[in-house]
Amino acid sequence: MEKQKHTVIPRKMIFPFILVTSLFALWGFANDITNPMVAAFKNILLITNFESSLVQFAFYGGYCFMAIPAALFIKKFNYKKGLVVGLALYSVGCFLFLPAGNAMAFWLFLVAYFIMTCGLAFLETTSNPFILSLGPKETSTRRLNFAQAFNPIGSLTGMMIAREFILKRLNQATEPERATLQLTDPETFDAIQKADLDVVSLPYLILGMVVLVFFIVFLLSRLPQSQPDDAGSQSSSLATFRRLLRNRRYVSSVIAQAFYVGVQIMVWTFIIQYAETELGMAKTTAQNYNMIAMAIFVSSRFICTFLLKYFKPSLLLLVLAIGGIGFTLGTIFIKEMPGLYCLVAISACMSLMFPTIYGIALKGLGDDAKLGSAGLILAIGGGCLMPPLQGLLIDKAVWFESLSSVRFSFVLPLICFIVISLYSYRTYRSAENTD
């Protein structure tokens, strides 16, 4: 019997697919305009790598805090209402940068990031399973990979804005120069600090206005309602959580996703510190390598989405995880530009991971995917915890002269890739993953 072909995006679903896919770029922008801010706040406020990486703790902490409430919300109501609430919170968080900059209070910036990502948690918890539902089950992983391919486009835009409108416009005084100025001329130091924080705040205020426009568009748009895929879909949330916890594939996917998000945020956050410390580059020059890494990530995402037509997702995941291990070892043990090239090349290996793990985890869950998606968004907490740990290693670690603390700190991404490779190998060998 001839194998039936399944459409990736049915014609009647094209408009909602385009509308929801636009959000993937919107939260990609937020993620990657924020990564360089770790280095920026460190210089502006004269704080440690650990303290500056609290930006990522607050940013990804919002995902942890709001993932399950967001999933319960969309289970009770629907996808559209989840998207609208997410956009509202996202916009409010952006607008909080104005009082944060005026008060010159780092903690208030952290609150703004946290509220932003409470909104992003709603958007991601809603958008990913919504995309999976907009067509046949047989093409759900390909559909999600295709939608996720637009996420790095937003990321690249965010990186460019960070470089051109933030990093280039900051006062170029170095940390030692600022520290001296703080002691000798505190009024001038305060004026420079206030001007720099205003530079940081302005793009977020503009982003808040853009998100507000999206809020209005989604509020007025008609989107298809989700349909339960099985008879048990109306059961209680507690029963759903119990089923999910008994699902070994789902649980292992959540763990793998936490390690993936951790490695992604660590690699993209600390490219600037690596280039500054190991090669003496300026932040704006180092940000160029961050953008190259993202361009590689985007290209690899489209290539891997195509390859999914011919290979099982878990097999490609395994190959890329092994590649990630190799390039991370190069980052740790190879000095100067070749080490930086290895760090940039890691992005090619990360491209497939988030949507593929997501698709494997939610495949066949039916309406349980609404709450199941919460665990996978909760796993973004890996990006909340691991960057501060890496920052602490950079600040405190003292190793052999031939291995700097910055290079040694990439042992954390190495561990993450090892965990992902074990997960992908087990998934590939399991009869559960049939695509």
Protein backbone atom coordinates (compact mmCIF):
# COMPACT_ATOMS: atom_id res chain seq x y z
CA MET A 1 0.00 0.00 0.00
CA GLU A 2 1.40 3.38 -0.97
CA LYS A 3 2.44 5.56 1.98
CA GLN A 4 0.14 8.54 2.39
CA LYS A 5 1.74 11.95 2.10
CA HIS A 6 0.92 14.44 4.80
CA THR A 7 0.96 18.21 4.34
CA VAL A 8 3.22 20.09 6.74
CA ILE A 9 0.94 23.16 6.83
CA PRO A 10 -2.66 22.67 5.57
CA ARG A 11 -3.92 25.52 3.43
CA LYS A 12 -6.62 26.62 5.87
CA MET A 13 -3.98 26.88 8.62
CA ILE A 14 -1.52 29.09 6.74
CA PHE A 15 -2.71 32.40 8.20
CA PRO A 16 -2.73 31.30 11.86
CA PHE A 17 0.61 29.55 11.26
CA ILE A 18 2.18 32.78 9.93
CA LEU A 19 0.69 34.84 12.75
CA VAL A 20 1.88 32.53 15.53
CA THR A 21 5.26 31.94 13.86
CA SER A 22 5.89 35.69 13.97
CA LEU A 23 6.01 35.35 17.76
CA PHE A 24 8.98 32.99 17.50
CA ALA A 25 11.00 35.86 16.06
CA LEU A 26 9.61 38.24 18.68
CA TRP A 27 10.85 36.24 21.67
CA GLY A 28 14.09 35.44 19.81
CA PHE A 29 14.67 39.19 19.65
CA ALA A 30 14.15 39.51 23.41
CA ASN A 31 16.52 36.64 24.15
CA ASP A 32 19.40 37.95 22.09
CA ILE A 33 19.20 41.63 22.73
CA THR A 34 19.50 40.57 26.37
CA ASN A 35 22.53 38.21 26.17
CA PRO A 36 25.05 41.05 25.54
CA MET A 37 23.54 43.01 28.43
CA VAL A 38 25.35 40.70 30.86
CA ALA A 39 28.68 42.18 29.74
CA ALA A 40 27.19 45.68 29.44
CA PHE A 41 25.81 45.78 32.98
CA LYS A 42 29.10 44.39 34.30
CA ASN A 43 30.95 47.36 32.83
CA ILE A 44 28.34 50.03 33.59
CA LEU A 45 27.71 49.04 37.20
CA LEU A 46 31.18 47.65 38.05
CA ILE A 47 29.86 44.28 39.21
CA THR A 48 31.25 40.74 38.99
CA ASN A 49 30.56 38.15 36.26
CA PHE A 50 28.32 36.32 38.73
CA GLU A 51 26.33 39.45 39.60
CA SER A 52 25.95 40.53 35.97
CA SER A 53 24.78 37.04 35.00
CA LEU A 54 21.83 37.56 37.37
CA VAL A 55 20.33 39.22 34.28
CA GLN A 56 19.97 35.71 32.87
CA PHE A 57 18.78 34.40 36.23
CA ALA A 58 15.96 36.95 36.25
CA PHE A 59 15.25 36.61 32.52
CA TYR A 60 14.94 32.83 32.51
CA GLY A 61 13.53 32.76 36.03
CA GLY A 62 10.33 34.20 34.60
CA TYR A 63 9.98 31.10 32.47
CA CYS A 64 10.30 28.84 35.53
CA PHE A 65 7.83 30.84 37.57
CA MET A 66 5.13 31.21 34.92
CA ALA A 67 5.38 28.03 32.82
CA ILE A 68 2.93 25.89 34.81
CA PRO A 69 0.44 28.72 35.53
CA ALA A 70 0.50 29.54 31.81
CA ALA A 71 -0.22 25.91 30.90
CA LEU A 72 -3.09 25.72 33.39
CA PHE A 73 -4.46 28.95 31.93
CA ILE A 74 -4.49 27.72 28.34
CA LYS A 75 -5.92 24.37 29.41
CA LYS A 76 -8.82 26.18 31.09
CA PHE A 77 -9.29 28.75 28.36
CA ASN A 78 -7.62 28.50 24.92
CA TYR A 79 -4.49 29.23 22.93
CA LYS A 80 -5.56 32.70 21.82
CA LYS A 81 -6.15 33.97 25.35
CA GLY A 82 -2.78 32.58 26.38
CA LEU A 83 -1.08 34.50 23.57
CA VAL A 84 -2.89 37.74 24.45
CA VAL A 85 -1.92 37.51 28.15
CA GLY A 86 1.67 36.72 27.18
CA LEU A 87 1.93 39.75 24.91
CA ALA A 88 0.46 42.00 27.63
CA LEU A 89 3.05 40.87 30.22
CA TYR A 90 5.87 41.10 27.67
CA SER A 91 4.93 44.71 26.89
CA VAL A 92 4.61 45.71 30.56
CA GLY A 93 8.07 44.28 31.31
CA CYS A 94 9.59 46.31 28.48
CA PHE A 95 7.98 49.54 29.69
CA LEU A 96 9.41 48.98 33.19
CA PHE A 97 12.86 49.77 31.78
CA LEU A 98 11.93 53.45 31.92
CA PRO A 99 11.59 53.65 35.73
CA ALA A 100 14.53 51.25 36.12
CA GLY A 101 16.79 53.56 34.11
CA ASN A 102 15.54 56.66 35.91
CA ALA A 103 16.16 55.05 39.32
CA MET A 104 19.54 53.63 38.21
CA ALA A 105 18.55 50.47 40.10
CA PHE A 106 19.92 47.12 38.91
CA TRP A 107 17.29 45.24 40.92
CA LEU A 108 14.51 47.06 39.06
CA PHE A 109 16.03 46.03 35.72
CA LEU A 110 15.96 42.45 37.02
CA VAL A 111 12.26 42.84 37.89
CA ALA A 112 11.59 44.15 34.37
CA TYR A 113 13.37 41.16 32.83
CA PHE A 114 11.42 38.80 35.09
CA ILE A 115 8.03 40.25 34.09
CA MET A 116 9.03 40.23 30.41
CA THR A 117 9.75 36.54 30.55
CA CYS A 118 6.61 35.76 32.48
CA GLY A 119 5.00 36.98 29.26
CA LEU A 120 7.42 34.96 27.13
CA ALA A 121 6.56 31.87 29.18
CA PHE A 122 2.92 32.35 28.18
CA LEU A 123 3.91 32.82 24.54
CA GLU A 124 6.18 29.79 24.35
CA THR A 125 3.95 27.52 26.42
CA THR A 126 1.12 28.42 24.04
CA SER A 127 2.82 28.78 20.66
CA ASN A 128 4.77 25.53 20.54
CA PRO A 129 1.85 23.12 21.09
CA PHE A 130 -0.38 25.41 18.99
CA ILE A 131 1.98 24.99 16.04
CA LEU A 132 2.03 21.22 16.63
CA SER A 133 -1.78 21.22 16.44
CA LEU A 134 -2.03 23.13 13.14
CA GLY A 135 -1.86 20.07 10.89
CA PRO A 136 -1.33 16.30 10.79
CA LYS A 137 0.41 14.58 13.70
CA GLU A 138 2.77 12.91 11.25
CA THR A 139 4.38 16.24 10.29
CA SER A 140 4.18 17.94 13.70
CA THR A 141 7.94 17.84 14.41
CA ARG A 142 8.77 19.19 10.93
CA ARG A 143 6.15 21.93 11.35
CA LEU A 144 7.59 22.99 14.71
CA ASN A 145 11.16 22.95 13.34
CA PHE A 146 10.02 25.15 10.45
CA ALA A 147 8.34 27.62 12.81
CA GLN A 148 11.34 27.60 15.14
CA ALA A 149 13.57 28.41 12.16
CA PHE A 150 12.23 31.97 12.31
CA ASN A 151 13.25 32.36 15.95
CA PRO A 152 16.92 32.99 15.08
CA ILE A 153 15.89 35.71 12.61
CA GLY A 154 14.53 37.65 15.56
CA SER A 155 17.67 36.72 17.48
CA LEU A 156 19.94 38.12 14.78
CA THR A 157 17.93 41.33 14.75
CA GLY A 158 18.24 41.57 18.52
CA MET A 159 21.99 41.06 18.30
CA MET A 160 22.33 43.75 15.66
CA ILE A 161 20.29 46.22 17.72
CA ALA A 162 22.40 45.39 20.78
CA ARG A 163 25.60 46.04 18.84
CA GLU A 164 24.57 49.18 16.92
CA PHE A 165 22.23 50.90 19.36
CA ILE A 166 23.56 49.80 22.74
CA LEU A 167 27.17 48.55 22.80
CA LYS A 168 28.43 51.16 20.32
CA ARG A 169 26.65 54.00 22.14
CA LEU A 170 27.87 53.17 25.62
CA ASN A 171 30.71 55.21 27.07
CA GLN A 172 33.87 53.37 26.04
CA ALA A 173 35.67 53.81 29.36
CA THR A 174 37.06 50.50 30.62
CA GLU A 175 36.19 49.01 34.00
CA PRO A 176 39.49 50.16 35.61
CA GLU A 177 38.92 53.66 34.23
CA ARG A 178 35.37 53.72 35.57
CA ALA A 179 36.53 52.43 38.97
CA THR A 180 39.11 55.24 39.17
CA LEU A 181 36.53 57.81 38.11
CA GLN A 182 34.09 56.53 40.73
CA LEU A 183 36.69 57.37 43.41
CA THR A 184 38.07 60.61 42.00
CA ASP A 185 35.00 62.20 40.39
CA PRO A 186 31.78 60.48 41.54
CA GLU A 187 29.49 63.08 39.93
CA THR A 188 30.96 62.48 36.48
CA PHE A 189 30.86 58.72 37.09
CA ASP A 190 27.14 58.94 38.02
CA ALA A 191 26.41 61.01 34.89
CA ILE A 192 28.14 58.45 32.65
CA GLN A 193 26.35 55.60 34.39
CA LYS A 194 22.95 57.30 33.99
CA ALA A 195 23.59 58.00 30.30
CA ASP A 196 24.63 54.38 29.71
CA LEU A 197 21.55 53.00 31.47
CA ASP A 198 19.37 55.26 29.30
CA VAL A 199 21.09 53.80 26.23
CA VAL A 200 20.28 50.29 27.48
CA SER A 201 16.64 51.18 28.24
CA LEU A 202 15.62 52.86 24.96
CA PRO A 203 15.52 49.75 22.71
CA TYR A 204 13.41 47.92 25.29
CA LEU A 205 10.92 50.79 25.38
CA ILE A 206 10.61 50.66 21.58
CA LEU A 207 10.26 46.87 21.80
CA GLY A 208 7.40 47.38 24.27
CA MET A 209 5.56 49.50 21.70
CA VAL A 210 6.06 46.85 19.00
CA VAL A 211 4.76 44.14 21.33
CA LEU A 212 1.74 46.32 22.12
CA VAL A 213 0.89 46.36 18.39
CA PHE A 214 1.10 42.54 18.32
CA PHE A 215 -1.18 42.45 21.37
CA ILE A 216 -3.84 44.42 19.47
CA VAL A 217 -3.47 42.27 16.32
CA PHE A 218 -3.92 39.00 18.25
CA LEU A 219 -6.76 40.44 20.28
CA LEU A 220 -8.68 41.16 17.06
CA SER A 221 -7.69 38.03 15.10
CA ARG A 222 -9.70 34.82 14.81
CA LEU A 223 -7.60 31.74 15.57
CA PRO A 224 -8.63 28.06 15.46
CA GLN A 225 -9.48 26.49 18.80
CA SER A 226 -7.57 23.45 19.96
CA GLN A 227 -9.35 20.13 19.74
CA PRO A 228 -8.80 17.26 22.18
CA ASP A 229 -7.05 14.33 20.56
CA ASP A 230 -8.31 11.62 22.86
CA ALA A 231 -11.18 10.74 25.14
CA GLY A 232 -9.23 11.48 28.29
CA SER A 233 -8.43 15.04 27.33
CA GLN A 234 -11.03 16.52 29.69
CA SER A 235 -9.56 14.93 32.78
CA SER A 236 -8.24 16.96 35.69
CA SER A 237 -4.91 18.74 35.61
CA LEU A 238 -3.66 16.55 38.47
CA ALA A 239 -4.42 13.40 36.49
CA THR A 240 -2.64 14.93 33.49
CA PHE A 241 0.48 15.66 35.55
CA ARG A 242 0.45 12.09 36.86
CA ARG A 243 0.28 10.70 33.33
CA LEU A 244 3.14 12.95 32.27
CA LEU A 245 5.32 11.92 35.19
CA ARG A 246 4.76 8.27 34.28
CA ASN A 247 5.82 8.95 30.69
CA ARG A 248 9.56 8.19 30.65
CA ARG A 249 10.08 9.74 27.24
CA TYR A 250 8.47 12.99 28.37
CA VAL A 251 10.41 13.20 31.65
CA SER A 252 13.76 12.50 29.99
CA SER A 253 12.92 15.11 27.34
CA VAL A 254 12.29 17.76 30.01
CA ILE A 255 15.67 16.99 31.58
CA ALA A 256 17.41 17.09 28.19
CA GLN A 257 15.69 20.39 27.37
CA ALA A 258 16.95 21.96 30.61
CA PHE A 259 20.52 21.04 29.72
CA TYR A 260 20.06 22.24 26.13
CA VAL A 261 18.75 25.66 27.13
CA GLY A 262 21.57 25.92 29.66
CA VAL A 263 24.21 25.27 27.03
CA GLN A 264 22.61 27.65 24.54
CA ILE A 265 22.50 30.57 26.96
CA MET A 266 25.99 29.92 28.29
CA VAL A 267 27.53 29.77 24.82
CA TRP A 268 25.82 32.92 23.55
CA THR A 269 26.22 34.88 26.79
CA PHE A 270 29.93 34.30 27.25
CA ILE A 271 31.18 34.65 23.66
CA ILE A 272 31.82 38.32 24.48
CA GLN A 273 33.74 37.53 27.68
CA TYR A 274 35.73 34.84 25.87
CA ALA A 275 36.74 37.21 23.07
CA GLU A 276 37.51 40.04 25.49
CA THR A 277 39.57 37.96 27.91
CA GLU A 278 41.34 35.56 25.56
CA LEU A 279 41.87 37.89 22.58
CA GLY A 280 41.55 41.42 23.95
CA MET A 281 38.64 42.32 21.65
CA ALA A 282 36.30 45.25 22.20
CA LYS A 283 32.69 44.35 23.07
CA THR A 284 31.36 45.58 19.72
CA THR A 285 33.89 43.42 17.82
CA ALA A 286 33.13 40.43 20.04
CA GLN A 287 29.41 40.90 19.36
CA ASN A 288 30.16 40.38 15.65
CA TYR A 289 31.18 36.82 16.48
CA ASN A 290 27.94 36.39 18.40
CA MET A 291 26.10 37.42 15.25
CA ILE A 292 28.17 35.04 13.11
CA ALA A 293 27.27 32.26 15.54
CA MET A 294 23.59 33.11 15.16
CA ALA A 295 23.86 33.21 11.35
CA ILE A 296 25.37 29.73 11.48
CA PHE A 297 22.57 28.66 13.82
CA VAL A 298 19.91 29.95 11.42
CA SER A 299 21.49 28.26 8.39
CA SER A 300 21.89 25.00 10.26
CA ARG A 301 18.26 25.14 11.44
CA PHE A 302 16.94 25.29 7.87
CA ILE A 303 19.34 22.57 6.71
CA CYS A 304 18.41 20.29 9.59
CA THR A 305 14.69 20.90 9.02
CA PHE A 306 15.20 19.67 5.45
CA LEU A 307 17.18 16.63 6.65
CA LEU A 308 14.31 15.63 8.93
CA LYS A 309 12.53 14.43 5.77
CA TYR A 310 15.10 11.64 5.55
CA PHE A 311 16.39 10.96 9.07
CA LYS A 312 14.83 10.34 12.46
CA PRO A 313 14.92 13.44 14.68
CA SER A 314 16.72 11.57 17.44
CA LEU A 315 19.49 10.44 15.06
CA LEU A 316 20.21 13.99 13.90
CA LEU A 317 20.07 15.08 17.52
CA LEU A 318 22.71 12.51 18.44
CA VAL A 319 25.05 13.54 15.62
CA LEU A 320 24.78 17.21 16.55
CA ALA A 321 25.28 16.52 20.27
CA ILE A 322 28.50 14.67 19.48
CA GLY A 323 29.57 17.59 17.31
CA GLY A 324 28.80 19.93 20.21
CA ILE A 325 31.04 17.90 22.48
CA GLY A 326 33.90 18.13 19.97
CA PHE A 327 33.64 21.89 19.45
CA THR A 328 33.31 22.54 23.19
CA LEU A 329 36.50 20.57 23.84
CA GLY A 330 38.15 22.77 21.21
CA THR A 331 36.87 25.88 23.02
CA ILE A 332 38.41 24.67 26.28
CA PHE A 333 41.77 23.39 25.08
CA ILE A 334 42.61 25.43 21.96
CA LYS A 335 43.90 28.95 22.50
CA GLU A 336 43.29 32.24 20.70
CA MET A 337 41.31 32.50 17.43
CA PRO A 338 40.94 28.73 16.78
CA GLY A 339 39.32 28.42 20.22
CA LEU A 340 36.93 31.26 19.40
CA TYR A 341 36.11 29.60 16.07
CA CYS A 342 35.22 26.41 17.93
CA LEU A 343 32.99 28.40 20.28
CA VAL A 344 31.18 30.00 17.33
CA ALA A 345 30.86 26.62 15.57
CA ILE A 346 28.95 25.17 18.54
CA SER A 347 25.90 27.08 17.29
CA ALA A 348 25.67 24.83 14.22
CA CYS A 349 25.20 21.88 16.55
CA MET A 350 22.55 23.56 18.72
CA SER A 351 20.22 24.51 15.87
CA LEU A 352 18.03 21.40 15.82
CA MET A 353 17.87 20.73 19.52
CA PHE A 354 15.10 22.76 21.14
CA PRO A 355 12.24 22.04 18.68
CA THR A 356 13.30 18.43 18.18
CA ILE A 357 13.36 17.64 21.90
CA TYR A 358 10.07 19.53 22.18
CA GLY A 359 8.47 17.56 19.36
CA ILE A 360 9.68 14.19 20.69
CA ALA A 361 8.40 15.01 24.18
CA LEU A 362 4.88 16.06 23.11
CA LYS A 363 4.33 13.54 20.33
CA GLY A 364 1.16 11.56 20.93
CA LEU A 365 0.20 13.39 24.13
CA GLY A 366 -3.02 14.77 22.66
CA ASP A 367 -4.56 17.49 24.82
CA ASP A 368 -2.05 16.64 27.55
CA ALA A 369 0.38 18.62 25.41
CA LYS A 370 -1.06 21.82 26.89
CA LEU A 371 0.30 20.93 30.33
CA GLY A 372 3.16 18.93 28.87
CA SER A 373 4.45 22.05 27.21
CA ALA A 374 4.70 23.65 30.64
CA GLY A 375 7.36 21.20 31.73
CA LEU A 376 9.38 21.94 28.62
CA ILE A 377 9.10 25.69 29.18
CA LEU A 378 9.93 25.12 32.85
CA ALA A 379 13.07 23.41 31.54
CA ILE A 380 14.17 26.80 30.24
CA GLY A 381 15.20 27.20 33.87
CA GLY A 382 18.46 25.67 32.70
CA GLY A 383 19.15 29.11 31.27
CA CYS A 384 18.31 30.60 34.66
CA LEU A 385 20.79 28.57 36.74
CA MET A 386 23.73 27.69 34.53
CA PRO A 387 24.98 31.13 33.35
CA PRO A 388 25.44 32.35 36.96
CA LEU A 389 27.32 29.13 37.70
CA GLN A 390 29.57 29.74 34.71
CA GLY A 391 30.02 33.37 35.80
CA LEU A 392 31.03 32.13 39.24
CA LEU A 393 33.59 29.80 37.67
CA ILE A 394 35.04 32.68 35.67
CA ASP A 395 35.26 34.86 38.80
CA LYS A 396 36.60 32.27 41.23
CA ALA A 397 38.30 29.44 39.36
CA VAL A 398 42.10 29.31 39.40
CA TRP A 399 43.63 26.65 37.16
CA PHE A 400 46.82 25.88 35.35
CA GLU A 401 48.43 28.80 33.55
CA SER A 402 47.71 27.15 30.21
CA LEU A 403 43.96 26.91 30.97
CA SER A 404 42.29 30.19 31.87
CA SER A 405 39.19 30.35 34.04
CA VAL A 406 37.14 31.56 31.06
CA ARG A 407 38.08 28.55 28.94
CA PHE A 408 37.73 26.15 31.86
CA SER A 409 34.22 27.48 32.56
CA PHE A 410 33.05 25.85 29.32
CA VAL A 411 33.23 22.51 31.08
CA LEU A 412 29.58 23.26 32.00
CA PRO A 413 28.42 23.36 28.35
CA LEU A 414 30.48 20.19 27.80
CA ILE A 415 28.53 18.38 30.53
CA CYS A 416 25.27 19.60 28.98
CA PHE A 417 26.16 18.17 25.56
CA ILE A 418 27.09 14.83 27.13
CA VAL A 419 23.65 14.65 28.78
CA ILE A 420 21.92 15.52 25.48
CA SER A 421 23.93 12.89 23.58
CA LEU A 422 22.89 10.20 26.10
CA TYR A 423 19.26 11.28 25.78
CA SER A 424 19.32 11.26 21.99
CA TYR A 425 21.02 7.86 21.90
CA ARG A 426 18.43 6.33 24.21
CA THR A 427 15.60 7.95 22.25
CA TYR A 428 17.02 6.72 18.94
CA ARG A 429 17.26 3.18 20.24
CA SER A 430 13.74 3.29 21.64
CA ALA A 431 10.81 2.10 19.56
CA GLU A 432 8.79 4.99 21.04
CA ASN A 433 10.37 7.51 18.68
CA THR A 434 9.02 6.69 15.25
CA ASP A 435 8.76 9.57 12.81
